[in-house]
C-alpha atoms as a PDB file:
ATOM      1  CA  MET A   1     -23.486 -22.251 -33.556  1.00  0.00           C
ATOM      2  CA  PRO A   2     -22.232 -23.868 -30.320  1.00  0.00           C
ATOM      3  CA  VAL A   3     -23.176 -21.752 -27.325  1.00  0.00           C
ATOM      4  CA  ALA A   4     -22.298 -21.777 -23.636  1.00  0.00           C
ATOM      5  CA  THR A   5     -24.081 -23.973 -21.111  1.00  0.00           C
ATOM      6  CA  ILE A   6     -26.186 -22.023 -18.599  1.00  0.00           C
ATOM      7  CA  LYS A   7     -25.817 -23.543 -15.146  1.00  0.00           C
ATOM      8  CA  ALA A   8     -27.547 -22.869 -11.797  1.00  0.00           C
ATOM      9  CA  ILE A   9     -29.181 -19.590 -12.873  1.00  0.00           C
ATOM     10  CA  ASP A  10     -32.850 -18.976 -12.004  1.00  0.00           C
ATOM     11  CA  VAL A  11     -33.966 -16.439 -14.602  1.00  0.00           C
ATOM     12  CA  SER A  12     -37.103 -15.604 -12.605  1.00  0.00           C
ATOM     13  CA  THR A  13     -34.976 -14.066  -9.839  1.00  0.00           C
ATOM     14  CA  LEU A  14     -32.796 -11.887 -12.078  1.00  0.00           C
ATOM     15  CA  SER A  15     -32.967  -8.107 -12.329  1.00  0.00           C
ATOM     16  CA  THR A  16     -33.572  -6.503 -15.727  1.00  0.00           C
ATOM     17  CA  GLU A  17     -29.861  -5.738 -16.087  1.00  0.00           C
ATOM     18  CA  SER A  18     -28.893  -9.318 -15.202  1.00  0.00           C
ATOM     19  CA  LYS A  19     -31.399 -10.727 -17.697  1.00  0.00           C
ATOM     20  CA  TYR A  20     -29.963  -8.576 -20.472  1.00  0.00           C
ATOM     21  CA  ALA A  21     -26.422  -9.591 -19.470  1.00  0.00           C
ATOM     22  CA  LEU A  22     -27.505 -13.218 -19.696  1.00  0.00           C
ATOM     23  CA  ASP A  23     -29.125 -12.562 -23.088  1.00  0.00           C
ATOM     24  CA  ILE A  24     -25.776 -11.311 -24.393  1.00  0.00           C
ATOM     25  CA  LEU A  25     -23.909 -14.362 -23.112  1.00  0.00           C
ATOM     26  CA  GLN A  26     -26.548 -16.781 -24.387  1.00  0.00           C
ATOM     27  CA  ASN A  27     -26.420 -15.304 -27.873  1.00  0.00           C
ATOM     28  CA  LEU A  28     -22.648 -15.366 -28.304  1.00  0.00           C
ATOM     29  CA  PRO A  29     -20.687 -18.255 -29.813  1.00  0.00           C
ATOM     30  CA  ILE A  30     -18.932 -20.293 -27.165  1.00  0.00           C
ATOM     31  CA  GLU A  31     -15.547 -19.014 -28.379  1.00  0.00           C
ATOM     32  CA  GLN A  32     -16.531 -15.432 -27.583  1.00  0.00           C
ATOM     33  CA  VAL A  33     -17.931 -16.413 -24.178  1.00  0.00           C
ATOM     34  CA  ASN A  34     -14.632 -18.082 -23.383  1.00  0.00           C
ATOM     35  CA  LYS A  35     -12.732 -14.942 -24.413  1.00  0.00           C
ATOM     36  CA  LEU A  36     -14.863 -12.972 -21.971  1.00  0.00           C
ATOM     37  CA  LYS A  37     -14.211 -15.530 -19.254  1.00  0.00           C
ATOM     38  CA  GLU A  38     -10.488 -15.262 -19.959  1.00  0.00           C
ATOM     39  CA  LEU A  39     -10.730 -11.489 -19.636  1.00  0.00           C
ATOM     40  CA  LEU A  40     -12.590 -11.922 -16.351  1.00  0.00           C
ATOM     41  CA  ARG A  41     -10.033 -14.523 -15.212  1.00  0.00           C
ATOM     42  CA  LEU A  42     -12.712 -17.170 -14.659  1.00  0.00           C
ATOM     43  CA  GLY A  43     -12.338 -20.911 -15.142  1.00  0.00           C
ATOM     44  CA  ASP A  44     -14.810 -23.559 -16.353  1.00  0.00           C
ATOM     45  CA  PRO A  45     -14.790 -22.676 -20.083  1.00  0.00           C
ATOM     46  CA  GLY A  46     -18.069 -22.930 -21.919  1.00  0.00           C
ATOM     47  CA  VAL A  47     -20.200 -22.592 -18.791  1.00  0.00           C
ATOM     48  CA  VAL A  48     -22.121 -19.542 -17.598  1.00  0.00           C
ATOM     49  CA  GLY A  49     -23.062 -19.751 -13.939  1.00  0.00           C
ATOM     50  CA  PRO A  50     -23.960 -17.120 -11.320  1.00  0.00           C
ATOM     51  CA  GLN A  51     -20.325 -16.020 -10.817  1.00  0.00           C
ATOM     52  CA  THR A  52     -19.743 -15.541 -14.539  1.00  0.00           C
ATOM     53  CA  LEU A  53     -23.004 -13.655 -14.931  1.00  0.00           C
ATOM     54  CA  ALA A  54     -22.271 -11.339 -11.977  1.00  0.00           C
ATOM     55  CA  ALA A  55     -18.724 -10.686 -13.161  1.00  0.00           C
ATOM     56  CA  PHE A  56     -19.867 -10.013 -16.723  1.00  0.00           C
ATOM     57  CA  GLU A  57     -22.570  -7.606 -15.561  1.00  0.00           C
ATOM     58  CA  GLN A  58     -19.994  -5.688 -13.534  1.00  0.00           C
ATOM     59  CA  LEU A  59     -17.664  -5.640 -16.527  1.00  0.00           C
ATOM     60  CA  CYS A  60     -20.436  -4.076 -18.609  1.00  0.00           C
ATOM     61  CA  LYS A  61     -20.950  -1.414 -15.927  1.00  0.00           C
ATOM     62  CA  SER A  62     -17.212  -0.692 -15.827  1.00  0.00           C
ATOM     63  CA  LYS A  63     -17.324  -0.133 -19.603  1.00  0.00           C
ATOM     64  CA  GLY A  64     -20.255   2.276 -19.264  1.00  0.00           C
ATOM     65  CA  ILE A  65     -22.733  -0.122 -20.882  1.00  0.00           C
ATOM     66  CA  ASP A  66     -26.287   0.528 -19.708  1.00  0.00           C
ATOM     67  CA  LEU A  67     -28.306  -2.694 -19.506  1.00  0.00           C
ATOM     68  CA  THR A  68     -31.585  -1.139 -18.437  1.00  0.00           C
ATOM     69  CA  VAL A  69     -34.488  -1.334 -20.894  1.00  0.00           C
ATOM     70  CA  ALA A  70     -33.845   2.256 -21.965  1.00  0.00           C
ATOM     71  CA  GLY A  71     -30.118   1.581 -22.275  1.00  0.00           C
ATOM     72  CA  VAL A  72     -30.558  -1.479 -24.482  1.00  0.00           C
ATOM     73  CA  ASN A  73     -33.058   0.318 -26.720  1.00  0.00           C
ATOM     74  CA  ALA A  74     -30.687   3.272 -27.058  1.00  0.00           C
ATOM     75  CA  PHE A  75     -27.771   0.930 -27.863  1.00  0.00           C
ATOM     76  CA  LYS A  76     -29.736  -0.873 -30.575  1.00  0.00           C
ATOM     77  CA  THR A  77     -30.968   2.360 -32.085  1.00  0.00           C
ATOM     78  CA  GLU A  78     -27.491   3.925 -32.049  1.00  0.00           C
ATOM     79  CA  HIS A  79     -25.989   0.886 -33.778  1.00  0.00           C
ATOM     80  CA  ARG A  80     -28.896   0.473 -36.223  1.00  0.00           C
ATOM     81  CA  LEU A  81     -29.722  -2.998 -34.988  1.00  0.00           C
ATOM     82  CA  GLY A  82     -33.370  -3.187 -36.025  1.00  0.00           C
ATOM     83  CA  ASN A  83     -35.018  -1.921 -32.867  1.00  0.00           C
ATOM     84  CA  SER A  84     -38.668  -1.896 -33.850  1.00  0.00           C
ATOM     85  CA  GLY A  85     -41.697  -4.158 -33.697  1.00  0.00           C
ATOM     86  CA  GLN A  86     -41.021  -7.609 -32.324  1.00  0.00           C
ATOM     87  CA  TYR A  87     -37.289  -6.875 -32.188  1.00  0.00           C
ATOM     88  CA  GLN A  88     -37.551  -3.820 -29.943  1.00  0.00           C
ATOM     89  CA  GLY A  89     -35.421  -4.307 -26.834  1.00  0.00           C
ATOM     90  CA  VAL A  90     -34.457  -7.832 -27.900  1.00  0.00           C
ATOM     91  CA  ILE A  91     -30.844  -8.994 -27.756  1.00  0.00           C
ATOM     92  CA  GLY A  92     -30.163 -11.601 -30.438  1.00  0.00           C
ATOM     93  CA  PRO A  93     -26.897 -12.883 -31.933  1.00  0.00           C
ATOM     94  CA  GLN A  94     -26.229  -9.751 -34.003  1.00  0.00           C
ATOM     95  CA  THR A  95     -26.779  -7.377 -31.089  1.00  0.00           C
ATOM     96  CA  ALA A  96     -24.797  -9.622 -28.732  1.00  0.00           C
ATOM     97  CA  ASP A  97     -21.874  -9.571 -31.171  1.00  0.00           C
ATOM     98  CA  VAL A  98     -21.837  -5.762 -31.206  1.00  0.00           C
ATOM     99  CA  TYR A  99     -21.854  -5.696 -27.398  1.00  0.00           C
ATOM    100  CA  PHE A 100     -18.973  -8.187 -27.406  1.00  0.00           C
ATOM    101  CA  ARG A 101     -16.899  -6.092 -29.784  1.00  0.00           C
ATOM    102  CA  GLU A 102     -17.419  -2.930 -27.731  1.00  0.00           C
ATOM    103  CA  ILE A 103     -16.530  -4.719 -24.501  1.00  0.00           C
ATOM    104  CA  MET A 104     -13.391  -6.257 -25.970  1.00  0.00           C
ATOM    105  CA  GLU A 105     -12.178  -3.035 -27.558  1.00  0.00           C
ATOM    106  CA  ASP A 106      -8.818  -2.146 -25.996  1.00  0.00           C
ATOM    107  CA  ALA A 107      -9.222  -5.031 -23.527  1.00  0.00           C
ATOM    108  CA  GLN A 108      -6.166  -6.976 -22.465  1.00  0.00           C
ATOM    109  CA  PRO A 109      -7.179 -10.609 -21.848  1.00  0.00           C
ATOM    110  CA  GLY A 110      -4.947 -12.493 -19.478  1.00  0.00           C
ATOM    111  CA  GLY A 111      -3.546  -9.325 -17.927  1.00  0.00           C
ATOM    112  CA  THR A 112      -0.591  -9.579 -15.595  1.00  0.00           C
ATOM    113  CA  THR A 113      -0.589  -9.140 -11.844  1.00  0.00           C
ATOM    114  CA  GLY A 114       0.930  -5.712 -12.409  1.00  0.00           C
ATOM    115  CA  ASP A 115      -2.067  -4.799 -14.556  1.00  0.00           C
ATOM    116  CA  LEU A 116      -4.424  -5.849 -11.764  1.00  0.00           C
ATOM    117  CA  ASN A 117      -2.562  -3.891  -9.101  1.00  0.00           C
ATOM    118  CA  ALA A 118      -2.419  -0.784 -11.282  1.00  0.00           C
ATOM    119  CA  ALA A 119      -6.147  -1.036 -11.991  1.00  0.00           C
ATOM    120  CA  ILE A 120      -6.934  -1.458  -8.288  1.00  0.00           C
ATOM    121  CA  VAL A 121      -4.848   1.560  -7.262  1.00  0.00           C
ATOM    122  CA  ALA A 122      -6.366   3.738  -9.968  1.00  0.00           C
ATOM    123  CA  ALA A 123      -9.890   2.730  -8.964  1.00  0.00           C
ATOM    124  CA  ALA A 124      -9.165   3.234  -5.252  1.00  0.00           C
ATOM    125  CA  LYS A 125      -7.832   6.732  -5.829  1.00  0.00           C
ATOM    126  CA  ASN A 126     -10.817   7.530  -8.024  1.00  0.00           C
ATOM    127  CA  LEU A 127     -13.174   6.487  -5.207  1.00  0.00           C
ATOM    128  CA  VAL A 128     -11.446   8.334  -2.359  1.00  0.00           C
ATOM    129  CA  ASP A 129     -14.109   9.890  -0.094  1.00  0.00           C
ATOM    130  CA  MET A 130     -16.839   7.694  -1.581  1.00  0.00           C
ATOM    131  CA  CYS A 131     -19.869   7.590   0.700  1.00  0.00           C
ATOM    132  CA  THR A 132     -20.290   4.062   2.076  1.00  0.00           C
ATOM    133  CA  ALA A 133     -23.677   4.600   3.724  1.00  0.00           C
ATOM    134  CA  ASP A 134     -25.225   2.134   1.269  1.00  0.00           C
ATOM    135  CA  GLY A 135     -22.959  -0.558   2.676  1.00  0.00           C
ATOM    136  CA  PRO A 136     -23.564  -2.771   5.720  1.00  0.00           C
ATOM    137  CA  ASP A 137     -24.819  -1.026   8.863  1.00  0.00           C
ATOM    138  CA  GLY A 138     -25.062   2.314   7.113  1.00  0.00           C
ATOM    139  CA  GLY A 139     -21.354   2.284   6.324  1.00  0.00           C
ATOM    140  CA  ASN A 140     -20.226   1.322   9.814  1.00  0.00           C
ATOM    141  CA  ASN A 141     -19.092  -2.126   8.651  1.00  0.00           C
ATOM    142  CA  ALA A 142     -18.473  -1.422   4.977  1.00  0.00           C
ATOM    143  CA  CYS A 143     -14.759  -2.182   4.616  1.00  0.00           C
ATOM    144  CA  ALA A 144     -15.205  -5.382   2.553  1.00  0.00           C
ATOM    145  CA  TRP A 145     -18.072  -3.758   0.669  1.00  0.00           C
ATOM    146  CA  SER A 146     -15.794  -0.810  -0.177  1.00  0.00           C
ATOM    147  CA  VAL A 147     -12.987  -3.034  -1.442  1.00  0.00           C
ATOM    148  CA  ASN A 148     -15.417  -4.835  -3.727  1.00  0.00           C
ATOM    149  CA  ARG A 149     -16.693  -1.490  -4.991  1.00  0.00           C
ATOM    150  CA  VAL A 150     -13.088  -0.664  -5.911  1.00  0.00           C
ATOM    151  CA  LEU A 151     -12.707  -4.003  -7.697  1.00  0.00           C
ATOM    152  CA  GLN A 152     -15.946  -3.340  -9.556  1.00  0.00           C
ATOM    153  CA  LYS A 153     -14.649   0.065 -10.623  1.00  0.00           C
ATOM    154  CA  ALA A 154     -11.479  -1.660 -11.867  1.00  0.00           C
ATOM    155  CA  GLY A 155     -13.504  -4.183 -13.902  1.00  0.00           C
ATOM    156  CA  ILE A 156     -12.449  -7.069 -11.638  1.00  0.00           C
ATOM    157  CA  PRO A 157     -14.894  -9.791 -10.523  1.00  0.00           C
ATOM    158  CA  PRO A 158     -16.154  -9.504  -6.926  1.00  0.00           C
ATOM    159  CA  LEU A 159     -14.163 -11.172  -4.186  1.00  0.00           C
ATOM    160  CA  GLY A 160     -15.756 -13.590  -1.725  1.00  0.00           C
ATOM    161  CA  ASP A 161     -18.991 -15.572  -1.628  1.00  0.00           C
ATOM    162  CA  ASN A 162     -20.152 -12.919   0.838  1.00  0.00           C
ATOM    163  CA  PRO A 163     -18.709  -9.689  -0.623  1.00  0.00           C
ATOM    164  CA  ASN A 164     -19.470  -7.781   2.592  1.00  0.00           C
ATOM    165  CA  TYR A 165     -17.580 -10.058   5.011  1.00  0.00           C
ATOM    166  CA  VAL A 166     -13.818  -9.873   5.448  1.00  0.00           C
ATOM    167  CA  PRO A 167     -13.320 -13.598   6.298  1.00  0.00           C
ATOM    168  CA  SER A 168     -15.135 -14.498   3.069  1.00  0.00           C
ATOM    169  CA  LEU A 169     -12.791 -12.257   1.047  1.00  0.00           C
ATOM    170  CA  LEU A 170      -9.785 -13.805   2.800  1.00  0.00           C
ATOM    171  CA  GLU A 171     -11.066 -17.309   2.047  1.00  0.00           C
ATOM    172  CA  ALA A 172     -11.357 -16.441  -1.654  1.00  0.00           C
ATOM    173  CA  LEU A 173      -7.810 -15.068  -1.659  1.00  0.00           C
ATOM    174  CA  GLN A 174      -6.518 -18.233   0.001  1.00  0.00           C
ATOM    175  CA  ASN A 175      -8.415 -20.474  -2.422  1.00  0.00           C
ATOM    176  CA  GLY A 176      -7.058 -19.290  -5.748  1.00  0.00           C
ATOM    177  CA  ARG A 177      -7.890 -15.598  -6.137  1.00  0.00           C
ATOM    178  CA  GLY A 178      -4.727 -14.342  -4.436  1.00  0.00           C
ATOM    179  CA  GLN A 179      -1.332 -15.046  -2.968  1.00  0.00           C
ATOM    180  CA  ARG A 180       0.122 -13.923   0.333  1.00  0.00           C
ATOM    181  CA  VAL A 181       3.110 -11.571   0.186  1.00  0.00           C
ATOM    182  CA  ASP A 182       5.413 -10.270   2.894  1.00  0.00           C
ATOM    183  CA  ARG A 183       5.778  -6.589   3.612  1.00  0.00           C
ATOM    184  CA  ALA A 184       9.141  -6.315   1.934  1.00  0.00           C
ATOM    185  CA  ASN A 185       7.596  -7.421  -1.359  1.00  0.00           C
ATOM    186  CA  ALA A 186       4.211  -5.731  -0.998  1.00  0.00           C
ATOM    187  CA  LYS A 187       3.147  -3.391  -3.786  1.00  0.00           C
ATOM    188  CA  ALA A 188       0.591  -0.684  -4.339  1.00  0.00           C
ATOM    189  CA  GLY A 189      -2.738  -2.350  -5.066  1.00  0.00           C
ATOM    190  CA  ASP A 190      -2.232  -5.262  -2.684  1.00  0.00           C
ATOM    191  CA  LEU A 191      -5.032  -6.011  -0.215  1.00  0.00           C
ATOM    192  CA  VAL A 192      -4.257  -5.529   3.477  1.00  0.00           C
ATOM    193  CA  ILE A 193      -6.245  -7.531   6.040  1.00  0.00           C
ATOM    194  CA  ALA A 194      -6.173  -6.502   9.682  1.00  0.00           C
ATOM    195  CA  TYR A 195      -5.344  -8.753  12.613  1.00  0.00           C
ATOM    196  CA  GLY A 196      -8.286 -10.998  13.434  1.00  0.00           C
ATOM    197  CA  GLU A 197      -9.783 -10.487   9.958  1.00  0.00           C
ATOM    198  CA  ALA A 198     -11.437  -7.410  11.421  1.00  0.00           C
ATOM    199  CA  HIS A 199     -10.858  -4.959   8.559  1.00  0.00           C
ATOM    200  CA  ILE A 200      -9.557  -4.736   4.990  1.00  0.00           C
ATOM    201  CA  GLY A 201      -8.061  -1.998   2.867  1.00  0.00           C
ATOM    202  CA  ILE A 202      -5.926  -1.319  -0.188  1.00  0.00           C
ATOM    203  CA  GLY A 203      -2.234  -0.480  -0.160  1.00  0.00           C
ATOM    204  CA  LEU A 204      -1.458   2.781  -1.937  1.00  0.00           C
ATOM    205  CA  ASP A 205       2.315   2.415  -2.175  1.00  0.00           C
ATOM    206  CA  ASP A 206       5.035  -0.212  -2.350  1.00  0.00           C
ATOM    207  CA  GLY A 207       5.352  -1.865   1.035  1.00  0.00           C
ATOM    208  CA  CYS A 208       1.725  -0.914   1.723  1.00  0.00           C
ATOM    209  CA  ALA A 209       2.952   1.664   4.220  1.00  0.00           C
ATOM    210  CA  THR A 210      -0.187   3.672   3.461  1.00  0.00           C
ATOM    211  CA  VAL A 211      -3.510   1.849   3.356  1.00  0.00           C
ATOM    212  CA  LEU A 212      -6.823   3.278   2.197  1.00  0.00           C
ATOM    213  CA  SER A 213      -9.983   1.816   3.702  1.00  0.00           C
ATOM    214  CA  ASN A 214     -13.470   2.589   4.931  1.00  0.00           C
ATOM    215  CA  SER A 215     -13.859   4.983   7.826  1.00  0.00           C
ATOM    216  CA  SER A 216     -16.655   3.581   9.967  1.00  0.00           C
ATOM    217  CA  SER A 217     -17.143   6.773  11.946  1.00  0.00           C
ATOM    218  CA  ARG A 218     -17.547   8.881   8.797  1.00  0.00           C
ATOM    219  CA  ALA A 219     -19.090   6.258   6.476  1.00  0.00           C
ATOM    220  CA  ARG A 220     -16.537   7.286   3.863  1.00  0.00           C
ATOM    221  CA  PHE A 221     -13.834   5.472   1.938  1.00  0.00           C
ATOM    222  CA  ARG A 222     -11.138   7.806   3.191  1.00  0.00           C
ATOM    223  CA  TRP A 223      -9.211   6.355   6.154  1.00  0.00           C
ATOM    224  CA  GLU A 224      -5.483   6.447   5.383  1.00  0.00           C
ATOM    225  CA  SER A 225      -3.555   4.415   7.939  1.00  0.00           C
ATOM    226  CA  ASP A 226      -0.306   2.503   8.218  1.00  0.00           C
ATOM    227  CA  THR A 227      -0.060  -1.200   7.360  1.00  0.00           C
ATOM    228  CA  ASP A 228      -1.471  -2.238  10.751  1.00  0.00           C
ATOM    229  CA  PHE A 229      -4.302   0.278  10.639  1.00  0.00           C
ATOM    230  CA  ASP A 230      -2.545   2.461  13.219  1.00  0.00           C
ATOM    231  CA  GLY A 231      -2.651  -0.380  15.767  1.00  0.00           C
ATOM    232  CA  TYR A 232      -6.431  -0.186  16.014  1.00  0.00           C
ATOM    233  CA  TYR A 233      -6.948  -3.958  15.793  1.00  0.00           C
ATOM    234  CA  GLY A 234      -4.207  -4.964  18.199  1.00  0.00           C
ATOM    235  CA  GLY A 235      -1.905  -6.969  15.940  1.00  0.00           C
ATOM    236  CA  SER A 236      -0.131  -7.307  12.618  1.00  0.00           C
ATOM    237  CA  SER A 237      -1.934  -7.242   9.287  1.00  0.00           C
ATOM    238  CA  VAL A 238      -1.458  -9.750   6.478  1.00  0.00           C
ATOM    239  CA  ILE A 239      -1.090  -8.763   2.826  1.00  0.00           C
ATOM    240  CA  TYR A 240      -2.447 -10.546  -0.220  1.00  0.00           C
ATOM    241  CA  ARG A 241      -2.013  -9.869  -3.908  1.00  0.00           C
ATOM    242  CA  LEU A 242      -4.987 -10.473  -6.177  1.00  0.00           C
ATOM    243  CA  ILE A 243      -3.967 -12.764  -9.041  1.00  0.00           C
ATOM    244  CA  LYS A 244      -7.289 -13.212 -10.836  1.00  0.00           C
END
């Protein structure tokens, strides 16, 4: 059975959940790995690297799949996958296939931009008033962190090599993950970046007249502003639409 190539992943540094996620990917036929990569809108078919692993782990979380030791044991027991003796807590091809089928159930590979925007808006509204104290500087500088939490909730791979830094998110958008749109064509779910790359939020309506973002003073994902963040950053915002 041809399997994916594992590239640039140091297993010794992985968390338990990441190791189990890798076990699933390693035990799937390459065709199924590529279907997952298509769902995650990732290139480089047949290869599992750090980005694919991180995106897949987040996808599992968005589907409610528990990849802790207890979660894997419970999954195997529930699905009668021979969870005793030397096979206890082990993910082999049969178990990986069951995980794959659960993940792909009702999934829409190759979703449209409209699907992405709708998922982002739904996730953002679900996370309104989320505490951001676990983000950078106790929530004081957690705007990029908050946006990536929304993407995670929506089952979308993280944005930016540094997911906590607005310029890194902007760079990813400019390098294939997004496209710039003008205000007249902006839609709910587009990402709004403040003047000077100082802040980022999510448009809640067409035109992005209302933007939801992190409130530094309250360490909460609850600041609703206009497109230019109520003039706080001294200039005009730019708007990008996530395309993958």
